[in-house]
Amino acid sequence: MRLLLFYIALLNLLDAALTMYGLDSNYITESNPLMNYLYLTRPWLFLLIKVQLSVLLLILLYYLNPKKKASRILLSVAGVAAVSYTFTCVLHGYWIVEVI
């Protein structure tokens, strides 16, 4: 579980970097309405929220008891998040490489 949460935190940071690059270069568009609003309002706010989400996950990792088994719900949510972020990062990376 700890490794999965760490992986999600790293993917979130990678997604932030790829998204910022793609949006700044007009290669991609943001599909998430909330994140799109944040980016259009203040790009630094978009980046700050993304970084804070990763920091929050890392703080959760610090307080997570490694000896206690994670609940199925938390494991399921983390699994879906990991798959979604992996797909999103691969897609952003593909779009950027395709354009360059």
PDB file of N, CA and C in Angstrom:
ATOM      1  N   MET A   1       0.817  -1.195   0.000  1.00  0.00           N
ATOM      2  CA  MET A   1       0.000   0.000   0.000  1.00  0.00           C
ATOM      3  C   MET A   1       0.867   1.268   0.000  1.00  0.00           C
ATOM      4  N   ARG A   2       1.934   1.236   0.797  1.00  0.00           N
ATOM      5  CA  ARG A   2       2.805   2.399   0.875  1.00  0.00           C
ATOM      6  C   ARG A   2       3.450   2.685  -0.483  1.00  0.00           C
ATOM      7  N   LEU A   3       3.890   1.645  -1.153  1.00  0.00           N
ATOM      8  CA  LEU A   3       4.509   1.811  -2.462  1.00  0.00           C
ATOM      9  C   LEU A   3       3.504   2.368  -3.472  1.00  0.00           C
ATOM     10  N   LEU A   4       2.277   1.900  -3.398  1.00  0.00           N
ATOM     11  CA  LEU A   4       1.230   2.365  -4.305  1.00  0.00           C
ATOM     12  C   LEU A   4       0.946   3.855  -4.091  1.00  0.00           C
ATOM     13  N   LEU A   5       0.868   4.298  -2.849  1.00  0.00           N
ATOM     14  CA  LEU A   5       0.623   5.709  -2.567  1.00  0.00           C
ATOM     15  C   LEU A   5       1.814   6.579  -2.997  1.00  0.00           C
ATOM     16  N   PHE A   6       3.024   6.068  -2.802  1.00  0.00           N
ATOM     17  CA  PHE A   6       4.211   6.792  -3.251  1.00  0.00           C
ATOM     18  C   PHE A   6       4.210   6.914  -4.777  1.00  0.00           C
ATOM     19  N   TYR A   7       3.837   5.836  -5.458  1.00  0.00           N
ATOM     20  CA  TYR A   7       3.740   5.829  -6.920  1.00  0.00           C
ATOM     21  C   TYR A   7       2.721   6.865  -7.407  1.00  0.00           C
ATOM     22  N   ILE A   8       1.584   6.943  -6.725  1.00  0.00           N
ATOM     23  CA  ILE A   8       0.552   7.917  -7.098  1.00  0.00           C
ATOM     24  C   ILE A   8       1.065   9.337  -6.903  1.00  0.00           C
ATOM     25  N   ALA A   9       1.771   9.584  -5.801  1.00  0.00           N
ATOM     26  CA  ALA A   9       2.327  10.920  -5.543  1.00  0.00           C
ATOM     27  C   ALA A   9       3.316  11.314  -6.644  1.00  0.00           C
ATOM     28  N   LEU A  10       4.174  10.384  -7.042  1.00  0.00           N
ATOM     29  CA  LEU A  10       5.133  10.670  -8.119  1.00  0.00           C
ATOM     30  C   LEU A  10       4.427  10.896  -9.455  1.00  0.00           C
ATOM     31  N   LEU A  11       3.433  10.080  -9.747  1.00  0.00           N
ATOM     32  CA  LEU A  11       2.689  10.249 -10.998  1.00  0.00           C
ATOM     33  C   LEU A  11       1.949  11.580 -11.024  1.00  0.00           C
ATOM     34  N   ASN A  12       1.438  12.001  -9.868  1.00  0.00           N
ATOM     35  CA  ASN A  12       0.754  13.282  -9.795  1.00  0.00           C
ATOM     36  C   ASN A  12       1.717  14.419 -10.133  1.00  0.00           C
ATOM     37  N   LEU A  13       2.942  14.353  -9.622  1.00  0.00           N
ATOM     38  CA  LEU A  13       3.935  15.378  -9.945  1.00  0.00           C
ATOM     39  C   LEU A  13       4.331  15.334 -11.418  1.00  0.00           C
ATOM     40  N   LEU A  14       4.494  14.122 -11.952  1.00  0.00           N
ATOM     41  CA  LEU A  14       4.807  13.979 -13.379  1.00  0.00           C
ATOM     42  C   LEU A  14       3.662  14.511 -14.233  1.00  0.00           C
ATOM     43  N   ASP A  15       2.438  14.205 -13.838  1.00  0.00           N
ATOM     44  CA  ASP A  15       1.261  14.705 -14.552  1.00  0.00           C
ATOM     45  C   ASP A  15       1.227  16.230 -14.508  1.00  0.00           C
ATOM     46  N   ALA A  16       1.563  16.807 -13.366  1.00  0.00           N
ATOM     47  CA  ALA A  16       1.580  18.269 -13.248  1.00  0.00           C
ATOM     48  C   ALA A  16       2.589  18.871 -14.222  1.00  0.00           C
ATOM     49  N   ALA A  17       3.779  18.290 -14.271  1.00  0.00           N
ATOM     50  CA  ALA A  17       4.823  18.808 -15.157  1.00  0.00           C
ATOM     51  C   ALA A  17       4.432  18.650 -16.626  1.00  0.00           C
ATOM     52  N   LEU A  18       3.957  17.465 -16.995  1.00  0.00           N
ATOM     53  CA  LEU A  18       3.562  17.231 -18.392  1.00  0.00           C
ATOM     54  C   LEU A  18       2.372  18.099 -18.779  1.00  0.00           C
ATOM     55  N   THR A  19       1.428  18.243 -17.876  1.00  0.00           N
ATOM     56  CA  THR A  19       0.248  19.058 -18.163  1.00  0.00           C
ATOM     57  C   THR A  19       0.635  20.521 -18.328  1.00  0.00           C
ATOM     58  N   MET A  20       1.464  21.031 -17.418  1.00  0.00           N
ATOM     59  CA  MET A  20       1.899  22.428 -17.529  1.00  0.00           C
ATOM     60  C   MET A  20       2.633  22.661 -18.857  1.00  0.00           C
ATOM     61  N   TYR A  21       3.520  21.736 -19.216  1.00  0.00           N
ATOM     62  CA  TYR A  21       4.253  21.868 -20.468  1.00  0.00           C
ATOM     63  C   TYR A  21       3.294  21.819 -21.663  1.00  0.00           C
ATOM     64  N   GLY A  22       2.402  20.859 -21.647  1.00  0.00           N
ATOM     65  CA  GLY A  22       1.460  20.713 -22.753  1.00  0.00           C
ATOM     66  C   GLY A  22       0.501  21.878 -22.876  1.00  0.00           C
ATOM     67  N   LEU A  23       0.016  22.390 -21.747  1.00  0.00           N
ATOM     68  CA  LEU A  23      -0.904  23.525 -21.777  1.00  0.00           C
ATOM     69  C   LEU A  23      -0.188  24.808 -22.175  1.00  0.00           C
ATOM     70  N   ASP A  24       1.000  25.023 -21.630  1.00  0.00           N
ATOM     71  CA  ASP A  24       1.767  26.224 -21.985  1.00  0.00           C
ATOM     72  C   ASP A  24       2.124  26.248 -23.468  1.00  0.00           C
ATOM     73  N   SER A  25       2.362  25.086 -24.045  1.00  0.00           N
ATOM     74  CA  SER A  25       2.746  24.990 -25.455  1.00  0.00           C
ATOM     75  C   SER A  25       1.542  24.820 -26.381  1.00  0.00           C
ATOM     76  N   ASN A  26       0.347  24.790 -25.813  1.00  0.00           N
ATOM     77  CA  ASN A  26      -0.897  24.579 -26.571  1.00  0.00           C
ATOM     78  C   ASN A  26      -0.912  23.246 -27.310  1.00  0.00           C
ATOM     79  N   TYR A  27      -0.250  22.227 -26.733  1.00  0.00           N
ATOM     80  CA  TYR A  27      -0.265  20.892 -27.313  1.00  0.00           C
ATOM     81  C   TYR A  27      -1.471  20.088 -26.842  1.00  0.00           C
ATOM     82  N   ILE A  28      -1.918  20.359 -25.627  1.00  0.00           N
ATOM     83  CA  ILE A  28      -3.012  19.589 -25.034  1.00  0.00           C
ATOM     84  C   ILE A  28      -4.015  20.536 -24.392  1.00  0.00           C
ATOM     85  N   THR A  29      -5.139  20.001 -23.993  1.00  0.00           N
ATOM     86  CA  THR A  29      -6.129  20.742 -23.223  1.00  0.00           C
ATOM     87  C   THR A  29      -6.387  19.981 -21.927  1.00  0.00           C
ATOM     88  N   GLU A  30      -6.804  20.698 -20.907  1.00  0.00           N
ATOM     89  CA  GLU A  30      -7.104  20.080 -19.620  1.00  0.00           C
ATOM     90  C   GLU A  30      -8.541  19.603 -19.637  1.00  0.00           C
ATOM     91  N   SER A  31      -8.763  18.327 -19.382  1.00  0.00           N
ATOM     92  CA  SER A  31     -10.100  17.744 -19.412  1.00  0.00           C
ATOM     93  C   SER A  31     -10.845  17.902 -18.094  1.00  0.00           C
ATOM     94  N   ASN A  32     -10.112  18.008 -16.995  1.00  0.00           N
ATOM     95  CA  ASN A  32     -10.731  18.165 -15.689  1.00  0.00           C
ATOM     96  C   ASN A  32     -11.228  19.605 -15.557  1.00  0.00           C
ATOM     97  N   PRO A  33     -12.546  19.818 -15.431  1.00  0.00           N
ATOM     98  CA  PRO A  33     -13.082  21.191 -15.392  1.00  0.00           C
ATOM     99  C   PRO A  33     -12.513  22.033 -14.242  1.00  0.00           C
ATOM    100  N   LEU A  34     -12.338  21.444 -13.066  1.00  0.00           N
ATOM    101  CA  LEU A  34     -11.802  22.196 -11.933  1.00  0.00           C
ATOM    102  C   LEU A  34     -10.355  22.607 -12.187  1.00  0.00           C
ATOM    103  N   MET A  35      -9.536  21.668 -12.641  1.00  0.00           N
ATOM    104  CA  MET A  35      -8.128  21.976 -12.903  1.00  0.00           C
ATOM    105  C   MET A  35      -7.997  22.937 -14.085  1.00  0.00           C
ATOM    106  N   ASN A  36      -8.881  22.825 -15.058  1.00  0.00           N
ATOM    107  CA  ASN A  36      -8.874  23.752 -16.187  1.00  0.00           C
ATOM    108  C   ASN A  36      -9.178  25.170 -15.702  1.00  0.00           C
ATOM    109  N   TYR A  37     -10.164  25.304 -14.822  1.00  0.00           N
ATOM    110  CA  TYR A  37     -10.501  26.603 -14.257  1.00  0.00           C
ATOM    111  C   TYR A  37      -9.307  27.180 -13.487  1.00  0.00           C
ATOM    112  N   LEU A  38      -8.676  26.336 -12.668  1.00  0.00           N
ATOM    113  CA  LEU A  38      -7.514  26.796 -11.908  1.00  0.00           C
ATOM    114  C   LEU A  38      -6.389  27.237 -12.834  1.00  0.00           C
ATOM    115  N   TYR A  39      -6.147  26.462 -13.875  1.00  0.00           N
ATOM    116  CA  TYR A  39      -5.072  26.803 -14.814  1.00  0.00           C
ATOM    117  C   TYR A  39      -5.379  28.118 -15.538  1.00  0.00           C
ATOM    118  N   LEU A  40      -6.626  28.271 -15.983  1.00  0.00           N
ATOM    119  CA  LEU A  40      -6.982  29.493 -16.701  1.00  0.00           C
ATOM    120  C   LEU A  40      -6.977  30.706 -15.783  1.00  0.00           C
ATOM    121  N   THR A  41      -7.302  30.506 -14.506  1.00  0.00           N
ATOM    122  CA  THR A  41      -7.300  31.597 -13.543  1.00  0.00           C
ATOM    123  C   THR A  41      -5.870  32.000 -13.195  1.00  0.00           C
ATOM    124  N   ARG A  42      -5.102  31.038 -12.711  1.00  0.00           N
ATOM    125  CA  ARG A  42      -3.718  31.263 -12.310  1.00  0.00           C
ATOM    126  C   ARG A  42      -2.952  29.959 -12.502  1.00  0.00           C
ATOM    127  N   PRO A  43      -2.087  29.872 -13.500  1.00  0.00           N
ATOM    128  CA  PRO A  43      -1.327  28.638 -13.711  1.00  0.00           C
ATOM    129  C   PRO A  43      -0.519  28.199 -12.490  1.00  0.00           C
ATOM    130  N   TRP A  44       0.021  29.151 -11.741  1.00  0.00           N
ATOM    131  CA  TRP A  44       0.784  28.783 -10.546  1.00  0.00           C
ATOM    132  C   TRP A  44      -0.119  28.148  -9.491  1.00  0.00           C
ATOM    133  N   LEU A  45      -1.392  28.550  -9.449  1.00  0.00           N
ATOM    134  CA  LEU A  45      -2.346  27.952  -8.511  1.00  0.00           C
ATOM    135  C   LEU A  45      -2.620  26.494  -8.892  1.00  0.00           C
ATOM    136  N   PHE A  46      -2.738  26.241 -10.189  1.00  0.00           N
ATOM    137  CA  PHE A  46      -2.895  24.882 -10.694  1.00  0.00           C
ATOM    138  C   PHE A  46      -1.727  24.013 -10.219  1.00  0.00           C
ATOM    139  N   LEU A  47      -0.515  24.517 -10.413  1.00  0.00           N
ATOM    140  CA  LEU A  47       0.686  23.776 -10.028  1.00  0.00           C
ATOM    141  C   LEU A  47       0.767  23.601  -8.510  1.00  0.00           C
ATOM    142  N   LEU A  48       0.414  24.626  -7.775  1.00  0.00           N
ATOM    143  CA  LEU A  48       0.447  24.561  -6.312  1.00  0.00           C
ATOM    144  C   LEU A  48      -0.504  23.483  -5.788  1.00  0.00           C
ATOM    145  N   ILE A  49      -1.701  23.410  -6.332  1.00  0.00           N
ATOM    146  CA  ILE A  49      -2.683  22.397  -5.910  1.00  0.00           C
ATOM    147  C   ILE A  49      -2.160  20.999  -6.219  1.00  0.00           C
ATOM    148  N   LYS A  50      -1.600  20.819  -7.399  1.00  0.00           N
ATOM    149  CA  LYS A  50      -1.060  19.504  -7.769  1.00  0.00           C
ATOM    150  C   LYS A  50       0.072  19.087  -6.834  1.00  0.00           C
ATOM    151  N   VAL A  51       0.966  20.006  -6.521  1.00  0.00           N
ATOM    152  CA  VAL A  51       2.076  19.690  -5.621  1.00  0.00           C
ATOM    153  C   VAL A  51       1.549  19.407  -4.218  1.00  0.00           C
ATOM    154  N   GLN A  52       0.576  20.178  -3.768  1.00  0.00           N
ATOM    155  CA  GLN A  52       0.007  19.954  -2.436  1.00  0.00           C
ATOM    156  C   GLN A  52      -0.665  18.587  -2.333  1.00  0.00           C
ATOM    157  N   LEU A  53      -1.275  18.128  -3.395  1.00  0.00           N
ATOM    158  CA  LEU A  53      -1.880  16.790  -3.375  1.00  0.00           C
ATOM    159  C   LEU A  53      -0.816  15.714  -3.181  1.00  0.00           C
ATOM    160  N   SER A  54       0.309  15.869  -3.835  1.00  0.00           N
ATOM    161  CA  SER A  54       1.406  14.910  -3.655  1.00  0.00           C
ATOM    162  C   SER A  54       1.980  14.987  -2.247  1.00  0.00           C
ATOM    163  N   VAL A  55       2.135  16.195  -1.733  1.00  0.00           N
ATOM    164  CA  VAL A  55       2.634  16.358  -0.361  1.00  0.00           C
ATOM    165  C   VAL A  55       1.662  15.724   0.630  1.00  0.00           C
ATOM    166  N   LEU A  56       0.371  15.903   0.401  1.00  0.00           N
ATOM    167  CA  LEU A  56      -0.642  15.297   1.271  1.00  0.00           C
ATOM    168  C   LEU A  56      -0.525  13.771   1.257  1.00  0.00           C
ATOM    169  N   LEU A  57      -0.303  13.197   0.099  1.00  0.00           N
ATOM    170  CA  LEU A  57      -0.112  11.750   0.019  1.00  0.00           C
ATOM    171  C   LEU A  57       1.147  11.306   0.754  1.00  0.00           C
ATOM    172  N   LEU A  58       2.211  12.074   0.642  1.00  0.00           N
ATOM    173  CA  LEU A  58       3.450  11.732   1.335  1.00  0.00           C
ATOM    174  C   LEU A  58       3.282  11.851   2.857  1.00  0.00           C
ATOM    175  N   ILE A  59       2.517  12.830   3.306  1.00  0.00           N
ATOM    176  CA  ILE A  59       2.222  12.950   4.737  1.00  0.00           C
ATOM    177  C   ILE A  59       1.399  11.755   5.195  1.00  0.00           C
ATOM    178  N   LEU A  60       0.421  11.368   4.388  1.00  0.00           N
ATOM    179  CA  LEU A  60      -0.382  10.184   4.707  1.00  0.00           C
ATOM    180  C   LEU A  60       0.504   8.950   4.796  1.00  0.00           C
ATOM    181  N   LEU A  61       1.459   8.841   3.900  1.00  0.00           N
ATOM    182  CA  LEU A  61       2.407   7.724   3.928  1.00  0.00           C
ATOM    183  C   LEU A  61       3.196   7.685   5.238  1.00  0.00           C
ATOM    184  N   TYR A  62       3.580   8.847   5.701  1.00  0.00           N
ATOM    185  CA  TYR A  62       4.360   8.935   6.929  1.00  0.00           C
ATOM    186  C   TYR A  62       3.566   8.407   8.127  1.00  0.00           C
ATOM    187  N   TYR A  63       2.279   8.717   8.162  1.00  0.00           N
ATOM    188  CA  TYR A  63       1.445   8.316   9.294  1.00  0.00           C
ATOM    189  C   TYR A  63       0.781   6.957   9.124  1.00  0.00           C
ATOM    190  N   LEU A  64       0.887   6.383   7.948  1.00  0.00           N
ATOM    191  CA  LEU A  64       0.283   5.076   7.692  1.00  0.00           C
ATOM    192  C   LEU A  64       1.073   3.988   8.408  1.00  0.00           C
ATOM    193  N   ASN A  65       0.375   3.184   9.170  1.00  0.00           N
ATOM    194  CA  ASN A  65       1.017   2.106   9.915  1.00  0.00           C
ATOM    195  C   ASN A  65       1.354   0.968   8.952  1.00  0.00           C
ATOM    196  N   PRO A  66       2.657   0.681   8.730  1.00  0.00           N
ATOM    197  CA  PRO A  66       3.028  -0.354   7.759  1.00  0.00           C
ATOM    198  C   PRO A  66       2.645  -1.767   8.218  1.00  0.00           C
ATOM    199  N   LYS A  67       2.408  -1.947   9.510  1.00  0.00           N
ATOM    200  CA  LYS A  67       2.060  -3.278  10.023  1.00  0.00           C
ATOM    201  C   LYS A  67       0.570  -3.574   9.915  1.00  0.00           C
ATOM    202  N   LYS A  68      -0.225  -2.511   9.742  1.00  0.00           N
ATOM    203  CA  LYS A  68      -1.671  -2.681   9.653  1.00  0.00           C
ATOM    204  C   LYS A  68      -2.084  -2.856   8.198  1.00  0.00           C
ATOM    205  N   LYS A  69      -2.936  -3.813   7.953  1.00  0.00           N
ATOM    206  CA  LYS A  69      -3.409  -4.081   6.597  1.00  0.00           C
ATOM    207  C   LYS A  69      -4.384  -2.979   6.157  1.00  0.00           C
ATOM    208  N   ALA A  70      -4.218  -2.516   4.921  1.00  0.00           N
ATOM    209  CA  ALA A  70      -5.080  -1.459   4.382  1.00  0.00           C
ATOM    210  C   ALA A  70      -6.464  -2.019   4.080  1.00  0.00           C
ATOM    211  N   SER A  71      -7.471  -1.162   4.191  1.00  0.00           N
ATOM    212  CA  SER A  71      -8.833  -1.591   3.889  1.00  0.00           C
ATOM    213  C   SER A  71      -8.977  -1.832   2.388  1.00  0.00           C
ATOM    214  N   ARG A  72      -9.935  -2.645   2.046  1.00  0.00           N
ATOM    215  CA  ARG A  72     -10.183  -2.930   0.625  1.00  0.00           C
ATOM    216  C   ARG A  72     -10.610  -1.685  -0.124  1.00  0.00           C
ATOM    217  N   ILE A  73     -11.363  -0.822   0.545  1.00  0.00           N
ATOM    218  CA  ILE A  73     -11.833   0.408  -0.110  1.00  0.00           C
ATOM    219  C   ILE A  73     -10.644   1.305  -0.443  1.00  0.00           C
ATOM    220  N   LEU A  74      -9.746   1.513   0.527  1.00  0.00           N
ATOM    221  CA  LEU A  74      -8.569   2.348   0.286  1.00  0.00           C
ATOM    222  C   LEU A  74      -7.683   1.738  -0.794  1.00  0.00           C
ATOM    223  N   LEU A  75      -7.525   0.443  -0.751  1.00  0.00           N
ATOM    224  CA  LEU A  75      -6.720  -0.236  -1.762  1.00  0.00           C
ATOM    225  C   LEU A  75      -7.354  -0.112  -3.144  1.00  0.00           C
ATOM    226  N   SER A  76      -8.673  -0.231  -3.220  1.00  0.00           N
ATOM    227  CA  SER A  76      -9.378  -0.104  -4.501  1.00  0.00           C
ATOM    228  C   SER A  76      -9.259   1.313  -5.057  1.00  0.00           C
ATOM    229  N   VAL A  77      -9.470   2.305  -4.196  1.00  0.00           N
ATOM    230  CA  VAL A  77      -9.376   3.698  -4.636  1.00  0.00           C
ATOM    231  C   VAL A  77      -7.954   4.010  -5.099  1.00  0.00           C
ATOM    232  N   ALA A  78      -6.967   3.561  -4.340  1.00  0.00           N
ATOM    233  CA  ALA A  78      -5.569   3.790  -4.715  1.00  0.00           C
ATOM    234  C   ALA A  78      -5.240   3.078  -6.025  1.00  0.00           C
ATOM    235  N   GLY A  79      -5.756   1.890  -6.229  1.00  0.00           N
ATOM    236  CA  GLY A  79      -5.523   1.155  -7.465  1.00  0.00           C
ATOM    237  C   GLY A  79      -6.103   1.866  -8.671  1.00  0.00           C
ATOM    238  N   VAL A  80      -7.335   2.347  -8.525  1.00  0.00           N
ATOM    239  CA  VAL A  80      -7.979   3.088  -9.623  1.00  0.00           C
ATOM    240  C   VAL A  80      -7.207   4.374  -9.909  1.00  0.00           C
ATOM    241  N   ALA A  81      -6.775   5.065  -8.858  1.00  0.00           N
ATOM    242  CA  ALA A  81      -5.997   6.302  -9.038  1.00  0.00           C
ATOM    243  C   ALA A  81      -4.675   6.012  -9.751  1.00  0.00           C
ATOM    244  N   ALA A  82      -4.008   4.938  -9.364  1.00  0.00           N
ATOM    245  CA  ALA A  82      -2.725   4.585  -9.985  1.00  0.00           C
ATOM    246  C   ALA A  82      -2.905   4.266 -11.466  1.00  0.00           C
ATOM    247  N   VAL A  83      -3.916   3.503 -11.791  1.00  0.00           N
ATOM    248  CA  VAL A  83      -4.175   3.159 -13.200  1.00  0.00           C
ATOM    249  C   VAL A  83      -4.545   4.408 -13.992  1.00  0.00           C
ATOM    250  N   SER A  84      -5.402   5.251 -13.416  1.00  0.00           N
ATOM    251  CA  SER A  84      -5.830   6.477 -14.097  1.00  0.00           C
ATOM    252  C   SER A  84      -4.658   7.419 -14.342  1.00  0.00           C
ATOM    253  N   TYR A  85      -3.834   7.634 -13.312  1.00  0.00           N
ATOM    254  CA  TYR A  85      -2.682   8.515 -13.463  1.00  0.00           C
ATOM    255  C   TYR A  85      -1.655   7.941 -14.434  1.00  0.00           C
ATOM    256  N   THR A  86      -1.467   6.639 -14.417  1.00  0.00           N
ATOM    257  CA  THR A  86      -0.537   6.020 -15.362  1.00  0.00           C
ATOM    258  C   THR A  86      -1.019   6.262 -16.792  1.00  0.00           C
ATOM    259  N   PHE A  87      -2.301   6.007 -17.032  1.00  0.00           N
ATOM    260  CA  PHE A  87      -2.879   6.229 -18.357  1.00  0.00           C
ATOM    261  C   PHE A  87      -2.751   7.691 -18.766  1.00  0.00           C
ATOM    262  N   THR A  88      -3.065   8.606 -17.851  1.00  0.00           N
ATOM    263  CA  THR A  88      -3.012  10.035 -18.145  1.00  0.00           C
ATOM    264  C   THR A  88      -1.595  10.482 -18.470  1.00  0.00           C
ATOM    265  N   CYS A  89      -0.621  10.030 -17.699  1.00  0.00           N
ATOM    266  CA  CYS A  89       0.771  10.417 -17.951  1.00  0.00           C
ATOM    267  C   CYS A  89       1.273   9.859 -19.276  1.00  0.00           C
ATOM    268  N   VAL A  90       0.916   8.629 -19.580  1.00  0.00           N
ATOM    269  CA  VAL A  90       1.305   8.038 -20.864  1.00  0.00           C
ATOM    270  C   VAL A  90       0.660   8.813 -22.009  1.00  0.00           C
ATOM    271  N   LEU A  91      -0.603   9.168 -21.851  1.00  0.00           N
ATOM    272  CA  LEU A  91      -1.309   9.915 -22.887  1.00  0.00           C
ATOM    273  C   LEU A  91      -0.696  11.298 -23.081  1.00  0.00           C
ATOM    274  N   HIS A  92      -0.439  12.020 -21.981  1.00  0.00           N
ATOM    275  CA  HIS A  92       0.198  13.333 -22.093  1.00  0.00           C
ATOM    276  C   HIS A  92       1.572  13.209 -22.738  1.00  0.00           C
ATOM    277  N   GLY A  93       2.342  12.251 -22.308  1.00  0.00           N
ATOM    278  CA  GLY A  93       3.667  12.042 -22.874  1.00  0.00           C
ATOM    279  C   GLY A  93       3.598  11.725 -24.360  1.00  0.00           C
ATOM    280  N   TYR A  94       2.645  10.896 -24.755  1.00  0.00           N
ATOM    281  CA  TYR A  94       2.475  10.552 -26.173  1.00  0.00           C
ATOM    282  C   TYR A  94       2.134  11.782 -26.990  1.00  0.00           C
ATOM    283  N   TRP A  95       1.196  12.591 -26.492  1.00  0.00           N
ATOM    284  CA  TRP A  95       0.799  13.794 -27.222  1.00  0.00           C
ATOM    285  C   TRP A  95       1.984  14.742 -27.403  1.00  0.00           C
ATOM    286  N   ILE A  96       2.748  14.917 -26.352  1.00  0.00           N
ATOM    287  CA  ILE A  96       3.874  15.852 -26.421  1.00  0.00           C
ATOM    288  C   ILE A  96       4.955  15.339 -27.376  1.00  0.00           C
ATOM    289  N   VAL A  97       5.272  14.053 -27.300  1.00  0.00           N
ATOM    290  CA  VAL A  97       6.275  13.468 -28.193  1.00  0.00           C
ATOM    291  C   VAL A  97       5.787  13.506 -29.641  1.00  0.00           C
ATOM    292  N   GLU A  98       4.517  13.261 -29.856  1.00  0.00           N
ATOM    293  CA  GLU A  98       3.934  13.269 -31.196  1.00  0.00           C
ATOM    294  C   GLU A  98       4.049  14.668 -31.806  1.00  0.00           C
ATOM    295  N   VAL A  99       3.832  15.694 -31.028  1.00  0.00           N
ATOM    296  CA  VAL A  99       3.858  17.067 -31.526  1.00  0.00           C
ATOM    297  C   VAL A  99       5.287  17.527 -31.782  1.00  0.00           C
ATOM    298  N   ILE A 100       6.203  17.112 -30.934  1.00  0.00           N
ATOM    299  CA  ILE A 100       7.605  17.525 -31.089  1.00  0.00           C
ATOM    300  C   ILE A 100       8.190  16.736 -32.213  1.00  0.00           C
TER     301      ILE A 100
END
